[in-house]
N, C-alpha and C. Protein backbone atom coordinates (compact mmCIF):
# COMPACT_ATOMS: atom_id res chain seq x y z
N MET A 1 -6.00 10.63 -1.72
CA MET A 1 -6.22 9.20 -1.65
C MET A 1 -6.22 8.60 -3.05
N SER A 2 -6.79 9.28 -4.01
CA SER A 2 -6.85 8.76 -5.37
C SER A 2 -5.44 8.56 -5.94
N ALA A 3 -4.54 9.50 -5.65
CA ALA A 3 -3.17 9.38 -6.16
C ALA A 3 -2.48 8.17 -5.56
N ARG A 4 -2.68 7.94 -4.28
CA ARG A 4 -2.07 6.78 -3.64
C ARG A 4 -2.68 5.48 -4.16
N ALA A 5 -3.99 5.46 -4.36
CA ALA A 5 -4.63 4.27 -4.94
C ALA A 5 -4.04 4.00 -6.33
N PHE A 6 -3.86 5.06 -7.11
CA PHE A 6 -3.24 4.96 -8.43
C PHE A 6 -1.84 4.35 -8.31
N LEU A 7 -1.06 4.85 -7.37
CA LEU A 7 0.32 4.39 -7.23
C LEU A 7 0.41 2.93 -6.79
N THR A 8 -0.60 2.42 -6.08
CA THR A 8 -0.57 0.99 -5.72
C THR A 8 -0.69 0.11 -6.95
N ARG A 9 -1.24 0.64 -8.03
CA ARG A 9 -1.34 -0.10 -9.29
C ARG A 9 -0.05 -0.02 -10.10
N VAL A 10 0.77 0.98 -9.82
CA VAL A 10 1.95 1.24 -10.65
C VAL A 10 3.24 0.75 -9.98
N LEU A 11 3.39 1.03 -8.71
CA LEU A 11 4.62 0.68 -7.99
C LEU A 11 4.45 -0.65 -7.26
N GLU A 12 5.52 -1.41 -7.18
CA GLU A 12 5.50 -2.67 -6.46
C GLU A 12 5.46 -2.40 -4.96
N PRO A 13 4.82 -3.28 -4.18
CA PRO A 13 4.85 -3.12 -2.72
C PRO A 13 6.28 -3.11 -2.21
N GLY A 14 6.57 -2.22 -1.28
CA GLY A 14 7.90 -2.14 -0.70
C GLY A 14 8.92 -1.43 -1.56
N ASP A 15 8.49 -0.76 -2.62
CA ASP A 15 9.40 -0.05 -3.52
C ASP A 15 9.91 1.21 -2.82
N ALA A 16 11.13 1.12 -2.26
CA ALA A 16 11.69 2.24 -1.51
C ALA A 16 11.96 3.45 -2.40
N THR A 17 12.28 3.23 -3.66
CA THR A 17 12.51 4.36 -4.57
C THR A 17 11.21 5.12 -4.78
N GLY A 18 10.13 4.40 -5.06
CA GLY A 18 8.83 5.05 -5.20
C GLY A 18 8.39 5.73 -3.92
N GLY A 19 8.66 5.09 -2.79
CA GLY A 19 8.33 5.70 -1.50
C GLY A 19 9.09 6.99 -1.26
N ARG A 20 10.34 7.01 -1.69
CA ARG A 20 11.13 8.24 -1.55
C ARG A 20 10.56 9.34 -2.43
N TRP A 21 10.14 8.98 -3.65
CA TRP A 21 9.51 9.99 -4.52
C TRP A 21 8.29 10.59 -3.84
N VAL A 22 7.46 9.73 -3.25
CA VAL A 22 6.24 10.21 -2.58
C VAL A 22 6.61 11.10 -1.39
N ARG A 23 7.61 10.71 -0.63
CA ARG A 23 8.03 11.52 0.52
C ARG A 23 8.56 12.88 0.08
N GLU A 24 9.35 12.89 -0.99
CA GLU A 24 9.99 14.13 -1.42
C GLU A 24 9.08 15.02 -2.26
N LEU A 25 8.24 14.42 -3.11
CA LEU A 25 7.45 15.20 -4.07
C LEU A 25 5.95 15.20 -3.78
N GLY A 26 5.49 14.21 -3.03
CA GLY A 26 4.06 14.05 -2.78
C GLY A 26 3.44 13.08 -3.78
N ALA A 27 2.41 12.38 -3.32
CA ALA A 27 1.77 11.35 -4.14
C ALA A 27 1.15 11.92 -5.41
N VAL A 28 0.54 13.09 -5.31
CA VAL A 28 -0.12 13.68 -6.49
C VAL A 28 0.90 13.99 -7.58
N THR A 29 2.02 14.57 -7.21
CA THR A 29 3.05 14.91 -8.20
C THR A 29 3.64 13.66 -8.83
N VAL A 30 3.93 12.65 -8.02
CA VAL A 30 4.50 11.41 -8.55
C VAL A 30 3.50 10.75 -9.50
N ALA A 31 2.24 10.69 -9.11
CA ALA A 31 1.21 10.09 -9.98
C ALA A 31 1.12 10.85 -11.29
N ARG A 32 1.14 12.16 -11.23
CA ARG A 32 1.06 12.98 -12.45
C ARG A 32 2.26 12.74 -13.35
N ARG A 33 3.45 12.68 -12.77
CA ARG A 33 4.66 12.46 -13.57
C ARG A 33 4.61 11.11 -14.27
N LEU A 34 4.15 10.08 -13.55
CA LEU A 34 4.05 8.75 -14.15
C LEU A 34 2.97 8.71 -15.22
N ARG A 35 1.84 9.33 -14.95
CA ARG A 35 0.73 9.32 -15.91
C ARG A 35 1.10 10.07 -17.19
N ASP A 36 1.81 11.19 -17.02
CA ASP A 36 2.19 12.01 -18.18
C ASP A 36 3.37 11.42 -18.95
N GLY A 37 4.11 10.50 -18.32
CA GLY A 37 5.24 9.87 -19.00
C GLY A 37 6.36 10.82 -19.32
N GLY A 38 6.53 11.84 -18.51
CA GLY A 38 7.58 12.83 -18.74
C GLY A 38 8.95 12.30 -18.39
N PRO A 39 9.91 13.22 -18.20
CA PRO A 39 11.27 12.81 -17.86
C PRO A 39 11.26 11.96 -16.59
N ARG A 40 12.10 10.95 -16.58
CA ARG A 40 12.09 10.00 -15.46
C ARG A 40 12.54 10.68 -14.17
N LEU A 41 12.06 10.13 -13.08
CA LEU A 41 12.48 10.57 -11.76
C LEU A 41 13.78 9.86 -11.40
N ALA A 42 14.51 10.42 -10.45
CA ALA A 42 15.81 9.88 -10.06
C ALA A 42 15.69 8.49 -9.44
N GLY A 43 16.67 7.65 -9.71
CA GLY A 43 16.77 6.37 -9.04
C GLY A 43 16.32 5.17 -9.86
N VAL A 44 15.87 5.39 -11.09
CA VAL A 44 15.46 4.26 -11.94
C VAL A 44 16.06 4.43 -13.33
N SER A 45 16.22 3.32 -14.01
CA SER A 45 16.73 3.35 -15.38
C SER A 45 15.64 3.81 -16.33
N ASP A 46 16.04 4.16 -17.53
CA ASP A 46 15.05 4.54 -18.55
C ASP A 46 14.09 3.38 -18.82
N LYS A 47 14.62 2.16 -18.83
CA LYS A 47 13.78 0.99 -19.10
C LYS A 47 12.73 0.81 -17.99
N ARG A 48 13.16 0.92 -16.74
CA ARG A 48 12.20 0.77 -15.64
C ARG A 48 11.18 1.90 -15.66
N TRP A 49 11.62 3.12 -15.94
CA TRP A 49 10.69 4.26 -16.01
C TRP A 49 9.64 4.01 -17.09
N ALA A 50 10.07 3.51 -18.23
CA ALA A 50 9.12 3.22 -19.32
C ALA A 50 8.10 2.17 -18.87
N GLY A 51 8.56 1.15 -18.14
CA GLY A 51 7.64 0.14 -17.63
C GLY A 51 6.64 0.71 -16.64
N LEU A 52 7.11 1.58 -15.76
CA LEU A 52 6.20 2.21 -14.79
C LEU A 52 5.18 3.10 -15.50
N CYS A 53 5.63 3.82 -16.51
CA CYS A 53 4.71 4.69 -17.27
C CYS A 53 3.68 3.86 -18.03
N ALA A 54 4.09 2.69 -18.52
CA ALA A 54 3.14 1.80 -19.21
C ALA A 54 2.08 1.30 -18.23
N ARG A 55 2.49 0.95 -17.02
CA ARG A 55 1.51 0.55 -15.99
C ARG A 55 0.58 1.71 -15.67
N ALA A 56 1.17 2.89 -15.55
CA ALA A 56 0.38 4.08 -15.21
C ALA A 56 -0.70 4.36 -16.25
N ALA A 57 -0.39 4.09 -17.50
CA ALA A 57 -1.36 4.34 -18.57
C ALA A 57 -2.59 3.44 -18.43
N GLN A 58 -2.43 2.30 -17.77
CA GLN A 58 -3.54 1.36 -17.60
C GLN A 58 -4.30 1.56 -16.28
N ALA A 59 -3.72 2.28 -15.35
CA ALA A 59 -4.32 2.43 -14.02
C ALA A 59 -5.52 3.36 -14.06
N ASP A 60 -6.54 3.01 -13.31
CA ASP A 60 -7.77 3.81 -13.21
C ASP A 60 -8.21 3.82 -11.74
N PRO A 61 -7.68 4.75 -10.95
CA PRO A 61 -7.99 4.72 -9.52
C PRO A 61 -9.47 4.95 -9.21
N ALA A 62 -10.16 5.73 -10.00
CA ALA A 62 -11.60 5.95 -9.76
C ALA A 62 -12.36 4.63 -9.89
N ARG A 63 -12.02 3.86 -10.91
CA ARG A 63 -12.65 2.55 -11.10
C ARG A 63 -12.31 1.61 -9.94
N ASP A 64 -11.04 1.60 -9.54
CA ASP A 64 -10.61 0.73 -8.44
C ASP A 64 -11.31 1.10 -7.13
N LEU A 65 -11.39 2.39 -6.83
CA LEU A 65 -12.04 2.82 -5.59
C LEU A 65 -13.53 2.52 -5.61
N ALA A 66 -14.18 2.68 -6.77
CA ALA A 66 -15.61 2.38 -6.88
C ALA A 66 -15.85 0.88 -6.71
N ALA A 67 -15.03 0.06 -7.35
CA ALA A 67 -15.18 -1.40 -7.21
C ALA A 67 -14.92 -1.83 -5.77
N ALA A 68 -13.94 -1.22 -5.14
CA ALA A 68 -13.64 -1.55 -3.75
C ALA A 68 -14.83 -1.19 -2.86
N HIS A 69 -15.39 -0.02 -3.07
CA HIS A 69 -16.55 0.41 -2.27
C HIS A 69 -17.71 -0.58 -2.41
N GLU A 70 -17.97 -1.00 -3.63
CA GLU A 70 -19.06 -1.96 -3.87
C GLU A 70 -18.80 -3.30 -3.18
N ALA A 71 -17.54 -3.66 -3.02
CA ALA A 71 -17.18 -4.93 -2.40
C ALA A 71 -16.99 -4.81 -0.88
N GLY A 72 -17.23 -3.61 -0.34
CA GLY A 72 -17.05 -3.42 1.09
C GLY A 72 -15.61 -3.26 1.51
N VAL A 73 -14.79 -2.79 0.58
CA VAL A 73 -13.36 -2.60 0.83
C VAL A 73 -13.09 -1.11 0.93
N ARG A 74 -12.20 -0.75 1.81
CA ARG A 74 -11.80 0.66 1.94
C ARG A 74 -10.30 0.77 1.73
N PHE A 75 -9.87 1.97 1.36
CA PHE A 75 -8.45 2.22 1.13
C PHE A 75 -7.96 3.10 2.28
N VAL A 76 -6.99 2.59 3.03
CA VAL A 76 -6.46 3.30 4.20
C VAL A 76 -5.08 3.84 3.85
N CYS A 77 -4.88 5.14 4.07
CA CYS A 77 -3.63 5.81 3.72
C CYS A 77 -2.85 6.21 4.96
N PRO A 78 -1.53 6.36 4.83
CA PRO A 78 -0.74 6.91 5.94
C PRO A 78 -1.30 8.27 6.34
N GLY A 79 -1.29 8.51 7.64
CA GLY A 79 -1.78 9.79 8.14
C GLY A 79 -3.25 9.80 8.51
N THR A 80 -3.99 8.76 8.13
CA THR A 80 -5.40 8.69 8.51
C THR A 80 -5.50 8.00 9.87
N PRO A 81 -6.60 8.22 10.60
CA PRO A 81 -6.73 7.64 11.94
C PRO A 81 -6.61 6.11 11.98
N GLU A 82 -6.98 5.43 10.92
CA GLU A 82 -6.96 3.97 10.91
C GLU A 82 -5.59 3.40 10.53
N TRP A 83 -4.67 4.24 10.07
CA TRP A 83 -3.37 3.76 9.61
C TRP A 83 -2.57 3.15 10.77
N PRO A 84 -2.05 1.92 10.61
CA PRO A 84 -1.22 1.31 11.66
C PRO A 84 0.16 1.98 11.68
N ALA A 85 0.43 2.75 12.72
CA ALA A 85 1.67 3.53 12.80
C ALA A 85 2.91 2.65 12.74
N GLN A 86 2.78 1.37 13.10
CA GLN A 86 3.93 0.46 13.06
C GLN A 86 4.52 0.37 11.66
N LEU A 87 3.69 0.55 10.65
CA LEU A 87 4.17 0.46 9.27
C LEU A 87 5.11 1.61 8.91
N ASP A 88 5.03 2.71 9.65
CA ASP A 88 5.91 3.84 9.39
C ASP A 88 7.37 3.49 9.66
N ASP A 89 7.61 2.44 10.47
CA ASP A 89 8.98 2.00 10.73
C ASP A 89 9.67 1.50 9.47
N LEU A 90 8.91 1.20 8.43
CA LEU A 90 9.48 0.72 7.17
C LEU A 90 10.09 1.84 6.34
N GLY A 91 9.93 3.08 6.77
CA GLY A 91 10.50 4.22 6.05
C GLY A 91 9.93 4.32 4.65
N ASP A 92 10.79 4.55 3.68
CA ASP A 92 10.33 4.73 2.30
C ASP A 92 9.74 3.45 1.71
N ALA A 93 9.96 2.32 2.34
CA ALA A 93 9.40 1.05 1.85
C ALA A 93 8.02 0.75 2.43
N ARG A 94 7.47 1.66 3.24
CA ARG A 94 6.14 1.41 3.81
C ARG A 94 5.10 1.40 2.70
N PRO A 95 4.00 0.72 2.93
CA PRO A 95 2.95 0.69 1.90
C PRO A 95 2.43 2.10 1.59
N LEU A 96 2.06 2.31 0.36
CA LEU A 96 1.46 3.59 -0.04
C LEU A 96 0.04 3.69 0.46
N GLY A 97 -0.55 2.56 0.75
CA GLY A 97 -1.91 2.47 1.28
C GLY A 97 -2.26 1.01 1.39
N LEU A 98 -3.32 0.73 2.09
CA LEU A 98 -3.76 -0.65 2.28
C LEU A 98 -5.22 -0.78 1.89
N TRP A 99 -5.53 -1.81 1.11
CA TRP A 99 -6.91 -2.14 0.76
C TRP A 99 -7.41 -3.06 1.87
N VAL A 100 -8.44 -2.65 2.58
CA VAL A 100 -8.90 -3.36 3.77
C VAL A 100 -10.37 -3.71 3.64
N ARG A 101 -10.69 -4.93 4.03
CA ARG A 101 -12.09 -5.36 4.05
C ARG A 101 -12.43 -5.83 5.46
N GLY A 102 -13.56 -5.42 5.96
CA GLY A 102 -13.98 -5.82 7.30
C GLY A 102 -14.25 -4.62 8.17
N GLY A 103 -14.94 -4.87 9.26
CA GLY A 103 -15.39 -3.79 10.12
C GLY A 103 -14.39 -3.24 11.11
N PRO A 104 -13.59 -4.09 11.76
CA PRO A 104 -12.74 -3.57 12.82
C PRO A 104 -11.72 -2.56 12.30
N SER A 105 -11.34 -1.64 13.15
CA SER A 105 -10.32 -0.66 12.80
C SER A 105 -8.98 -1.35 12.56
N LEU A 106 -8.39 -1.09 11.43
CA LEU A 106 -7.10 -1.69 11.10
C LEU A 106 -6.04 -1.31 12.13
N ARG A 107 -6.05 -0.06 12.55
CA ARG A 107 -5.06 0.41 13.52
C ARG A 107 -5.17 -0.36 14.83
N LEU A 108 -6.39 -0.52 15.34
CA LEU A 108 -6.57 -1.25 16.60
C LEU A 108 -6.22 -2.72 16.45
N TRP A 109 -6.57 -3.31 15.32
CA TRP A 109 -6.22 -4.70 15.05
C TRP A 109 -4.71 -4.88 15.05
N ALA A 110 -4.00 -3.94 14.41
CA ALA A 110 -2.54 -4.03 14.32
C ALA A 110 -1.89 -3.86 15.69
N LEU A 111 -2.48 -3.06 16.56
CA LEU A 111 -1.92 -2.88 17.89
C LEU A 111 -1.94 -4.17 18.71
N ARG A 112 -2.89 -5.05 18.42
CA ARG A 112 -3.02 -6.30 19.16
C ARG A 112 -2.30 -7.46 18.48
N SER A 113 -1.66 -7.21 17.36
CA SER A 113 -1.03 -8.29 16.59
C SER A 113 0.45 -8.43 16.94
N VAL A 114 0.93 -9.63 16.79
CA VAL A 114 2.34 -9.92 17.01
C VAL A 114 2.83 -10.73 15.82
N ALA A 115 4.03 -10.43 15.37
CA ALA A 115 4.63 -11.20 14.29
C ALA A 115 6.03 -11.62 14.72
N VAL A 116 6.37 -12.86 14.46
CA VAL A 116 7.72 -13.35 14.72
C VAL A 116 8.28 -13.75 13.37
N VAL A 117 9.38 -13.11 13.01
CA VAL A 117 9.96 -13.36 11.69
C VAL A 117 11.34 -13.96 11.85
C-alpha cells in the first residue's frame, strides 16, 4: 500500500505507462526505481523520467498516510475488498489507489452509481 500511495504522488492519474509498469514489475519495484533515479523504464523520454524522479524525491508516503489517517481518510488499493471492480475496466489507466473519506464502503457505493458520459 505504501508503494501505491507513493506512486499517486509521482504519476499522473490515468497514466497508462505507469500503470503498465506496475502491472509488469509491481508497485514496489516501480517505486524503488523512481526513488533511486536509476535507468529509466520503457515508454518515457529521458526528460519525463527526470521529472518523475524529481517528484519521487519529494514524495513521503508515510507522511501522507499518517495525515490521511488523522483526517479520517483511507487509501483503497486494487485487490482489496473495498476496491470498485468497475475501475479495472480502465486497464493500465486505472487508478493506482483511491484516497477515500467517509464511512460507507466504496465498492458498495460504486455498485449503486451510474454515470452518463
